[in-house]
N, C-alpha and C. Protein backbone atom coordinates (compact mmCIF):
# COMPACT_ATOMS: atom_id res chain seq x y z
N UNK A 1 148.37 101.60 130.89
CA UNK A 1 148.92 101.60 132.49
C UNK A 1 148.16 100.49 133.35
N UNK A 2 149.17 99.60 133.87
CA UNK A 2 148.85 98.76 134.87
C UNK A 2 148.95 98.98 136.21
N UNK A 3 147.86 98.83 136.93
CA UNK A 3 147.97 99.19 138.54
C UNK A 3 148.03 97.54 139.13
N UNK A 4 148.40 97.58 140.29
CA UNK A 4 148.57 96.38 141.44
C UNK A 4 147.11 96.31 141.64
N UNK A 5 147.04 94.96 142.44
CA UNK A 5 145.19 94.98 143.19
C UNK A 5 145.44 95.49 144.24
N UNK A 6 146.58 95.69 144.90
CA UNK A 6 146.45 96.34 146.31
C UNK A 6 146.44 98.02 146.13
N UNK A 7 146.85 98.53 145.17
CA UNK A 7 146.75 100.19 144.63
C UNK A 7 145.28 100.26 144.21
N UNK A 8 144.67 99.15 143.40
CA UNK A 8 143.27 99.41 143.00
C UNK A 8 142.37 99.53 144.21
N UNK A 9 142.31 98.56 145.06
CA UNK A 9 141.60 98.70 146.31
C UNK A 9 141.89 99.83 147.26
N UNK A 10 143.05 100.37 147.14
CA UNK A 10 143.28 101.75 148.14
C UNK A 10 142.62 102.76 147.34
N UNK A 11 142.58 102.93 146.13
CA UNK A 11 141.82 104.07 145.59
C UNK A 11 140.11 103.91 145.36
N UNK A 12 140.01 102.55 145.23
CA UNK A 12 138.45 102.24 145.58
C UNK A 12 138.33 102.66 147.05
N UNK A 13 138.96 102.53 147.97
CA UNK A 13 138.58 103.17 149.47
C UNK A 13 138.33 104.44 149.39
N UNK A 14 139.71 105.14 148.95
CA UNK A 14 139.38 106.61 148.76
C UNK A 14 138.37 107.14 148.13
N UNK A 15 137.93 106.75 147.05
CA UNK A 15 136.69 107.05 146.13
C UNK A 15 135.43 106.99 147.16
N UNK A 16 135.63 105.69 147.92
CA UNK A 16 134.53 105.57 148.72
C UNK A 16 134.19 106.62 149.90
N UNK A 17 135.27 106.55 150.52
CA UNK A 17 135.58 107.36 151.12
C UNK A 17 134.89 109.13 150.99
N UNK A 18 135.48 109.52 150.06
CA UNK A 18 134.92 110.88 149.66
C UNK A 18 133.33 110.90 149.30
N UNK A 19 132.86 109.67 148.50
CA UNK A 19 131.55 109.46 148.26
C UNK A 19 130.38 109.54 149.56
N UNK A 20 131.16 108.87 150.56
CA UNK A 20 130.34 109.01 152.14
C UNK A 20 130.35 110.24 152.60
N UNK A 21 131.05 111.01 152.28
CA UNK A 21 131.14 112.23 152.97
C UNK A 21 130.54 113.51 152.13
N UNK A 22 130.22 113.40 150.72
CA UNK A 22 129.91 114.27 149.79
C UNK A 22 128.45 114.64 149.85
N UNK A 23 128.35 115.77 149.88
CA UNK A 23 126.99 116.21 149.94
C UNK A 23 126.73 117.16 148.62
N UNK A 24 125.51 117.11 148.19
CA UNK A 24 125.33 117.63 146.50
C UNK A 24 124.42 119.05 147.06
N UNK A 25 124.61 119.99 146.21
CA UNK A 25 124.19 121.31 146.59
C UNK A 25 123.85 121.89 145.53
N UNK A 26 124.64 121.42 144.20
CA UNK A 26 124.06 122.32 142.74
C UNK A 26 124.73 121.35 141.90
N UNK A 27 124.50 121.74 140.61
CA UNK A 27 124.84 120.99 139.26
C UNK A 27 126.20 120.23 139.54
N UNK A 28 127.02 121.29 139.63
CA UNK A 28 128.47 120.94 139.72
C UNK A 28 128.73 119.74 140.80
N UNK A 29 128.32 119.81 141.80
CA UNK A 29 127.93 118.75 142.75
C UNK A 29 127.70 117.23 142.27
N UNK A 30 126.81 117.45 141.43
CA UNK A 30 125.96 116.83 140.76
C UNK A 30 127.03 115.47 139.88
N UNK A 31 127.26 116.59 139.21
CA UNK A 31 128.53 115.97 138.25
C UNK A 31 129.75 115.33 138.83
N UNK A 32 130.01 116.24 139.97
CA UNK A 32 131.30 115.16 140.53
C UNK A 32 130.68 114.07 141.53
N UNK A 33 129.56 114.04 141.65
CA UNK A 33 129.43 112.93 142.21
C UNK A 33 129.02 111.66 141.15
N UNK A 34 128.64 111.93 139.83
CA UNK A 34 128.51 110.94 138.86
C UNK A 34 130.03 110.57 138.58
N UNK A 35 130.84 111.74 138.50
CA UNK A 35 132.32 111.27 138.31
C UNK A 35 132.86 110.10 139.26
N UNK A 36 132.90 110.59 140.37
CA UNK A 36 133.33 109.89 141.57
C UNK A 36 132.81 108.32 141.22
N UNK A 37 131.44 108.33 141.24
CA UNK A 37 130.66 107.07 140.98
C UNK A 37 131.20 106.25 139.67
N UNK A 38 131.44 106.74 138.72
CA UNK A 38 131.85 106.19 137.63
C UNK A 38 133.16 105.93 138.05
N UNK A 39 134.28 106.70 138.59
CA UNK A 39 135.51 106.23 138.84
C UNK A 39 135.54 104.96 139.87
N UNK A 40 134.37 104.88 140.85
CA UNK A 40 134.38 103.89 141.52
C UNK A 40 134.19 102.47 140.97
N UNK A 41 133.07 102.55 139.93
CA UNK A 41 132.83 101.69 138.89
C UNK A 41 133.96 100.88 138.18
N UNK A 42 134.58 101.78 137.69
CA UNK A 42 135.92 101.57 136.42
C UNK A 42 136.70 100.75 137.25
N UNK A 43 137.26 101.12 138.69
CA UNK A 43 138.24 100.81 139.43
C UNK A 43 137.53 99.18 139.99
N UNK A 44 136.39 99.11 140.16
CA UNK A 44 135.90 97.67 140.36
C UNK A 44 135.92 96.89 139.56
N UNK A 45 135.70 97.25 138.08
CA UNK A 45 135.72 96.39 136.90
C UNK A 45 137.29 96.32 136.93
N UNK A 46 138.43 97.06 137.04
CA UNK A 46 139.54 96.71 136.87
C UNK A 46 140.01 95.75 137.94
N UNK A 47 139.22 95.82 139.21
CA UNK A 47 140.02 94.78 140.05
C UNK A 47 139.37 93.57 139.78
N UNK A 48 138.43 93.64 139.22
CA UNK A 48 137.56 92.33 138.87
C UNK A 48 138.42 91.33 137.72
N UNK A 49 138.98 92.21 136.85
CA UNK A 49 139.38 91.70 135.74
C UNK A 49 140.94 91.32 136.10
N UNK A 50 141.49 91.92 137.13
CA UNK A 50 142.86 91.33 137.68
C UNK A 50 142.82 90.29 138.27
N UNK A 51 141.76 90.05 139.19
CA UNK A 51 141.30 88.61 139.72
C UNK A 51 141.17 87.81 138.79
N UNK A 52 140.70 87.75 137.83
CA UNK A 52 139.98 87.08 136.72
C UNK A 52 141.21 86.31 135.93
N UNK A 53 142.19 87.42 136.03
CA UNK A 53 143.64 87.16 135.15
C UNK A 53 144.33 86.37 136.26
N UNK A 54 144.40 86.58 137.32
CA UNK A 54 145.24 85.59 138.37
C UNK A 54 144.74 84.44 138.63
N UNK A 55 143.20 83.90 138.39
CA UNK A 55 142.57 82.66 138.25
C UNK A 55 142.74 81.95 137.11
N UNK A 56 143.16 82.50 135.94
CA UNK A 56 143.30 81.99 134.97
C UNK A 56 144.13 80.48 134.84
N UNK A 57 143.43 79.36 134.35
CA UNK A 57 144.25 78.37 134.58
C UNK A 57 145.77 78.65 133.51
N UNK A 58 146.70 78.35 133.52
CA UNK A 58 147.79 78.33 132.68
C UNK A 58 147.91 77.27 131.82
N UNK A 59 148.48 77.02 130.58
CA UNK A 59 148.81 75.77 129.86
C UNK A 59 149.89 75.14 130.63
N UNK A 60 149.33 73.76 130.43
CA UNK A 60 150.38 72.88 130.81
C UNK A 60 150.38 72.07 129.63
N UNK A 61 151.91 71.50 129.38
CA UNK A 61 152.10 70.97 128.35
C UNK A 61 151.61 69.40 128.38
N UNK A 62 151.49 68.64 127.40
CA UNK A 62 151.14 67.34 127.33
C UNK A 62 151.96 66.73 127.69
N UNK A 63 151.57 65.23 128.52
CA UNK A 63 152.66 64.59 128.87
C UNK A 63 153.15 63.77 127.72
N UNK A 64 154.37 63.51 127.71
CA UNK A 64 155.24 63.28 126.67
C UNK A 64 155.27 61.57 126.72
N UNK A 65 155.00 60.96 125.85
CA UNK A 65 154.75 59.36 125.45
C UNK A 65 156.49 58.68 125.89
N UNK A 66 156.13 57.75 126.87
CA UNK A 66 157.34 56.57 127.14
C UNK A 66 157.06 55.29 126.72
N UNK A 67 157.83 54.81 125.80
CA UNK A 67 157.90 53.60 125.00
C UNK A 67 158.77 52.40 125.88
N UNK A 68 158.34 51.53 126.56
CA UNK A 68 158.90 50.62 126.82
C UNK A 68 159.22 49.40 125.84
N UNK A 69 160.18 48.90 126.08
CA UNK A 69 160.53 47.53 124.96
C UNK A 69 160.12 46.40 125.87
N UNK A 70 159.54 45.54 125.40
CA UNK A 70 158.75 44.22 125.80
C UNK A 70 159.57 43.11 125.17
N UNK A 71 160.07 42.49 126.15
CA UNK A 71 160.53 41.23 125.70
C UNK A 71 161.88 40.93 125.42
């Protein structure tokens, strides 16, 4: 499944908002906190991979030789 860069950024924002409001009270909360942090890390890695793919130079065909008759 491929997600667009704006979609990934929106998901990162949503996860970070939830993390900023999150309070840990018990083990279940700790597990959820770790899951949210993991999701944020995976989304950040996906965003970085998408940016690298967009910046990757494309192959340019070699110029063709032109022969000119002399004389």
